[in-house]
Amino acid sequence: MEDYLRTRGRIFDIQRYSIHDGDGIRTIVFLKGCMLRCRWCCNPESQRHEIETMMVQGEPKVIGRDVTVEEVMETVEKDRTYYRRTGGGLTLSGGECLCQPAFATALLRAANEVGIRTAIESTACVSFEVIEGLLPYLDQYLLDIKHMNPAKHKEYIGRSNELILENAAKIAKSGMTELSVRVPVIPGFNDTVQEIQDIAEYTRKLGNVRRLHLLPYHRLGQDKYEGLGREYTLSKARPPVNEKMEMLLQTARQATDAECQIGG
């Protein structure tokens, strides 16, 4: 067995048969740990690397388990037929999968070497050396860009956006992977025409951006905060109505050459 297949990491879920987070039918591996603290995060159990207990429907559930690359690939390889027919494959998500760089890179390498297409859903809020090390094994980079204003970004997310934007430019310039930009549309944070236009114009300047996804805010993760004994600070926010999302979609389409869509 190749040594890298023994690389260990910490995950909290594996989701098969997904049609989101990359092309085709995907298997999504959710890694634990994140350096950001987005107020709207729908996976708050992903934020801390530590194994936690979360109350789910009145019962305690252990969140997080340690696995090897080989163990994960046993699940991933079960759906090769679906990947081949649909152009799907493996997606790493989280949390922020790049908080476990050795494990993430080894997973992507393992999939790549057996002919399974790969993607990551990531904020790119790490040193570029980490990203550079996995690009040879990566087919799609789904990059979250949440706001262009560094102060507002820090207020709502806990960190500024300079490193994210710097890495976005380097990823685009490398041309080594297909790049898509994803924008969670959050009421009171980035849901104005100007804010979406600013992000869309930035994607145009980046070049090499295939798609711009506008992801409407939802509250599906709110109960998890209570299960973790944490406060959900956006309890008064409401998901944007369809008319609002369509208006923002048209704004994005006028500002960038990338293919724009709601969801994905």
Protein backbone atom coordinates (compact mmCIF):
# COMPACT_ATOMS: atom_id res chain seq x y z
CA MET A 1 0.00 0.00 0.00
CA GLU A 2 1.20 3.52 -0.81
CA ASP A 3 2.12 5.39 2.37
CA TYR A 4 -0.10 8.37 1.57
CA LEU A 5 -3.18 6.10 1.71
CA ARG A 6 -2.50 5.71 5.44
CA THR A 7 -2.75 9.48 6.01
CA ARG A 8 -5.28 10.12 8.76
CA GLY A 9 -7.78 12.93 9.04
CA ARG A 10 -10.95 13.89 10.88
CA ILE A 11 -14.33 13.97 9.12
CA PHE A 12 -17.90 14.36 10.33
CA ASP A 13 -19.87 13.04 7.37
CA ILE A 14 -19.76 11.43 3.94
CA GLN A 15 -22.70 12.18 1.65
CA ARG A 16 -23.25 10.03 -1.43
CA TYR A 17 -25.41 10.76 -4.50
CA SER A 18 -25.16 14.55 -4.20
CA ILE A 19 -25.91 16.72 -7.24
CA HIS A 20 -24.38 19.83 -5.69
CA ASP A 21 -20.81 21.00 -5.02
CA GLY A 22 -19.40 20.07 -8.40
CA ASP A 23 -20.49 18.58 -11.71
CA GLY A 24 -22.52 15.40 -11.96
CA ILE A 25 -23.27 13.00 -9.11
CA ARG A 26 -20.78 13.42 -6.27
CA THR A 27 -19.63 11.90 -3.04
CA ILE A 28 -18.96 14.73 -0.59
CA VAL A 29 -16.53 14.21 2.28
CA PHE A 30 -16.96 16.77 5.07
CA LEU A 31 -13.76 17.51 6.97
CA LYS A 32 -13.80 18.95 10.47
CA GLY A 33 -12.27 22.31 11.29
CA CYS A 34 -12.52 25.86 9.94
CA MET A 35 -10.62 29.10 10.48
CA LEU A 36 -13.71 31.23 9.76
CA ARG A 37 -16.82 31.80 11.85
CA CYS A 38 -19.53 32.81 9.40
CA ARG A 39 -22.64 33.86 11.31
CA TRP A 40 -24.88 31.90 8.93
CA CYS A 41 -22.83 28.68 8.82
CA CYS A 42 -25.18 25.73 8.19
CA ASN A 43 -22.60 23.25 9.52
CA PRO A 44 -21.56 24.72 12.89
CA GLU A 45 -20.51 21.24 13.98
CA SER A 46 -17.75 21.52 11.38
CA GLN A 47 -16.07 24.61 12.77
CA ARG A 48 -14.03 23.07 15.58
CA HIS A 49 -11.53 20.33 14.85
CA GLU A 50 -12.29 18.65 18.18
CA ILE A 51 -14.75 15.76 18.32
CA GLU A 52 -17.99 17.10 19.81
CA THR A 53 -21.36 15.91 21.05
CA MET A 54 -24.44 17.53 19.53
CA MET A 55 -28.02 16.94 20.59
CA VAL A 56 -30.06 15.74 17.61
CA GLN A 57 -33.80 15.21 18.14
CA GLY A 58 -33.22 14.89 21.86
CA GLU A 59 -30.41 12.34 21.57
CA PRO A 60 -26.65 12.94 21.89
CA LYS A 61 -24.70 12.38 18.68
CA VAL A 62 -20.91 12.23 18.47
CA ILE A 63 -19.65 14.55 15.70
CA GLY A 64 -16.28 13.67 14.21
CA ARG A 65 -14.29 10.52 13.58
CA ASP A 66 -10.75 9.76 12.53
CA VAL A 67 -10.24 7.83 9.29
CA THR A 68 -7.53 7.03 6.79
CA VAL A 69 -7.52 7.98 3.12
CA GLU A 70 -7.86 4.31 2.26
CA GLU A 71 -11.01 4.00 4.39
CA VAL A 72 -12.64 7.03 2.78
CA MET A 73 -11.80 5.80 -0.71
CA GLU A 74 -13.58 2.52 -0.05
CA THR A 75 -16.81 4.53 0.13
CA VAL A 76 -15.93 6.91 -2.69
CA GLU A 77 -15.16 4.12 -5.15
CA LYS A 78 -18.57 2.46 -4.67
CA ASP A 79 -20.17 4.97 -7.06
CA ARG A 80 -17.71 4.96 -9.96
CA THR A 81 -20.52 4.06 -12.39
CA TYR A 82 -22.45 7.21 -11.48
CA TYR A 83 -19.35 9.40 -11.74
CA ARG A 84 -18.55 8.03 -15.17
CA ARG A 85 -22.08 8.53 -16.52
CA THR A 86 -22.53 12.06 -15.14
CA GLY A 87 -19.04 13.58 -14.99
CA GLY A 88 -19.20 13.50 -11.19
CA GLY A 89 -16.67 12.47 -8.59
CA LEU A 90 -15.28 13.33 -5.16
CA THR A 91 -15.79 16.71 -3.45
CA LEU A 92 -14.07 17.78 -0.24
CA SER A 93 -16.02 20.19 1.92
CA GLY A 94 -16.30 21.11 5.59
CA GLY A 95 -15.74 23.19 7.53
CA GLU A 96 -12.71 24.18 5.54
CA CYS A 97 -11.04 21.13 4.06
CA LEU A 98 -7.71 22.95 3.79
CA CYS A 99 -7.45 23.08 7.59
CA GLN A 100 -6.23 19.47 7.17
CA PRO A 101 -3.89 20.00 4.21
CA ALA A 102 -2.01 16.68 4.27
CA PHE A 103 -5.23 14.66 4.53
CA ALA A 104 -7.04 16.72 1.88
CA THR A 105 -4.15 16.49 -0.56
CA ALA A 106 -3.82 12.74 -0.04
CA LEU A 107 -7.57 12.23 -0.63
CA LEU A 108 -7.45 14.19 -3.87
CA ARG A 109 -4.35 12.33 -5.00
CA ALA A 110 -5.97 8.96 -4.26
CA ALA A 111 -9.05 9.84 -6.31
CA ASN A 112 -7.01 11.33 -9.13
CA GLU A 113 -4.78 8.27 -9.42
CA VAL A 114 -7.76 5.95 -9.90
CA GLY A 115 -9.44 8.22 -12.46
CA ILE A 116 -12.09 9.85 -10.26
CA ARG A 117 -12.66 13.56 -10.86
CA THR A 118 -12.11 15.85 -7.90
CA ALA A 119 -13.40 19.12 -6.47
CA ILE A 120 -13.06 21.13 -3.29
CA GLU A 121 -15.45 23.65 -1.74
CA SER A 122 -13.15 26.08 0.03
CA THR A 123 -12.54 29.65 1.16
CA ALA A 124 -8.83 29.54 0.21
CA CYS A 125 -7.99 31.21 3.54
CA VAL A 126 -4.65 29.41 3.88
CA SER A 127 -1.12 29.92 2.61
CA PHE A 128 -0.92 29.51 -1.16
CA GLU A 129 1.71 26.80 -0.71
CA VAL A 130 -1.06 24.54 0.65
CA ILE A 131 -3.27 25.21 -2.37
CA GLU A 132 -0.37 24.86 -4.80
CA GLY A 133 0.38 21.41 -3.41
CA LEU A 134 -3.05 20.01 -4.27
CA LEU A 135 -3.72 21.73 -7.60
CA PRO A 136 -2.13 18.87 -9.63
CA TYR A 137 -4.85 16.54 -8.29
CA LEU A 138 -7.79 18.96 -8.54
CA ASP A 139 -10.33 19.30 -11.37
CA GLN A 140 -12.69 21.91 -9.87
CA TYR A 141 -12.14 24.62 -7.26
CA LEU A 142 -15.42 25.95 -5.83
CA LEU A 143 -14.18 29.12 -4.16
CA ASP A 144 -16.31 31.05 -1.66
CA ILE A 145 -16.05 34.82 -2.00
CA LYS A 146 -18.42 36.44 0.44
CA HIS A 147 -17.68 40.18 0.30
CA MET A 148 -15.23 42.64 -1.20
CA ASN A 149 -15.08 44.94 1.84
CA PRO A 150 -12.41 43.68 4.30
CA ALA A 151 -13.92 45.39 7.36
CA LYS A 152 -17.43 44.02 6.79
CA HIS A 153 -15.97 40.62 5.98
CA LYS A 154 -14.14 40.58 9.32
CA GLU A 155 -17.23 41.77 11.23
CA TYR A 156 -19.45 38.93 9.99
CA ILE A 157 -16.90 36.19 9.45
CA GLY A 158 -14.11 36.78 11.95
CA ARG A 159 -11.31 37.38 9.45
CA SER A 160 -10.55 39.86 6.74
CA ASN A 161 -10.65 38.88 3.06
CA GLU A 162 -7.22 39.94 1.78
CA LEU A 163 -5.69 36.46 1.81
CA ILE A 164 -8.77 34.96 0.16
CA LEU A 165 -8.73 37.47 -2.70
CA GLU A 166 -4.96 37.17 -3.10
CA ASN A 167 -5.24 33.39 -3.41
CA ALA A 168 -8.20 33.66 -5.78
CA ALA A 169 -6.02 35.65 -8.18
CA LYS A 170 -3.21 33.09 -7.93
CA ILE A 171 -5.56 30.15 -8.54
CA ALA A 172 -7.06 31.85 -11.58
CA LYS A 173 -3.64 32.77 -12.94
CA SER A 174 -2.33 29.22 -12.53
CA GLY A 175 -4.92 27.83 -14.97
CA MET A 176 -4.40 24.43 -13.33
CA THR A 177 -8.01 23.84 -12.29
CA GLU A 178 -11.49 24.88 -13.31
CA LEU A 179 -12.46 27.78 -11.04
CA SER A 180 -15.99 28.69 -9.95
CA VAL A 181 -16.89 31.44 -7.46
CA ARG A 182 -19.70 30.88 -4.96
CA VAL A 183 -21.45 33.68 -3.09
CA PRO A 184 -23.77 32.94 -0.16
CA VAL A 185 -26.37 35.72 -0.39
CA ILE A 186 -26.96 36.79 3.22
CA PRO A 187 -29.57 39.41 4.29
CA GLY A 188 -27.93 42.48 5.78
CA PHE A 189 -24.46 41.32 4.80
CA ASN A 190 -24.07 41.16 1.03
CA ASP A 191 -27.55 41.16 -0.55
CA THR A 192 -27.52 44.58 -2.21
CA VAL A 193 -27.11 45.18 -5.93
CA GLN A 194 -23.85 47.04 -5.32
CA GLU A 195 -22.31 44.29 -3.21
CA ILE A 196 -23.14 41.55 -5.72
CA GLN A 197 -21.97 43.76 -8.58
CA ASP A 198 -18.63 44.31 -6.81
CA ILE A 199 -18.06 40.57 -6.47
CA ALA A 200 -19.12 39.87 -10.06
CA GLU A 201 -16.81 42.57 -11.39
CA TYR A 202 -13.99 41.01 -9.39
CA THR A 203 -14.61 37.61 -11.00
CA ARG A 204 -14.42 39.27 -14.42
CA LYS A 205 -11.05 40.77 -13.54
CA LEU A 206 -9.81 37.40 -12.29
CA GLY A 207 -10.42 35.74 -15.64
CA ASN A 208 -10.53 31.94 -15.93
CA VAL A 209 -13.72 31.82 -13.82
CA ARG A 210 -16.20 29.36 -15.30
CA ARG A 211 -19.25 30.02 -13.13
CA LEU A 212 -20.56 32.44 -10.52
CA HIS A 213 -23.05 30.79 -8.15
CA LEU A 214 -25.42 32.89 -6.02
CA LEU A 215 -26.47 30.72 -3.07
CA PRO A 216 -29.58 32.06 -1.28
CA TYR A 217 -29.44 32.15 2.51
CA HIS A 218 -31.39 29.42 4.31
CA ARG A 219 -31.91 28.48 7.96
CA LEU A 220 -31.58 24.71 7.67
CA GLY A 221 -28.70 24.58 10.14
CA GLN A 222 -30.29 26.70 12.87
CA ASP A 223 -31.31 23.76 15.09
CA LYS A 224 -27.71 22.57 15.16
CA TYR A 225 -26.69 25.66 17.15
CA GLU A 226 -29.16 24.77 19.88
CA GLY A 227 -27.87 21.18 19.79
CA LEU A 228 -24.35 22.48 20.35
CA GLY A 229 -25.43 24.94 23.07
CA ARG A 230 -24.52 27.91 20.90
CA GLU A 231 -26.41 31.04 19.90
CA TYR A 232 -27.64 31.50 16.33
CA THR A 233 -27.19 35.24 15.79
CA LEU A 234 -29.14 35.49 12.51
CA SER A 235 -32.42 34.23 13.93
CA LYS A 236 -34.27 37.29 12.63
CA ALA A 237 -32.92 37.03 9.07
CA ARG A 238 -35.26 35.75 6.38
CA PRO A 239 -34.29 33.94 3.17
CA PRO A 240 -34.35 36.21 0.10
CA VAL A 241 -37.47 35.94 -2.06
CA ASN A 242 -37.19 34.64 -5.62
CA GLU A 243 -37.66 38.13 -7.12
CA LYS A 244 -34.70 39.43 -5.12
CA MET A 245 -32.48 36.56 -6.22
CA GLU A 246 -33.46 37.04 -9.87
CA MET A 247 -32.60 40.74 -9.64
CA LEU A 248 -29.19 39.94 -8.15
CA LEU A 249 -28.64 37.29 -10.83
CA GLN A 250 -29.23 39.86 -13.57
CA THR A 251 -26.85 42.23 -11.80
CA ALA A 252 -24.15 39.55 -11.78
CA ARG A 253 -24.69 38.68 -15.44
CA GLN A 254 -24.20 42.29 -16.45
CA ALA A 255 -20.92 42.55 -14.54
CA THR A 256 -19.05 39.35 -15.43
CA ASP A 257 -18.36 37.06 -18.37
CA ALA A 258 -18.70 33.96 -16.17
CA GLU A 259 -21.78 31.78 -16.41
CA CYS A 260 -24.09 32.93 -13.61
CA GLN A 261 -26.69 30.85 -11.81
CA ILE A 262 -28.72 30.63 -8.62
CA GLY A 263 -27.76 27.64 -6.47
CA GLY A 264 -25.32 24.86 -7.19
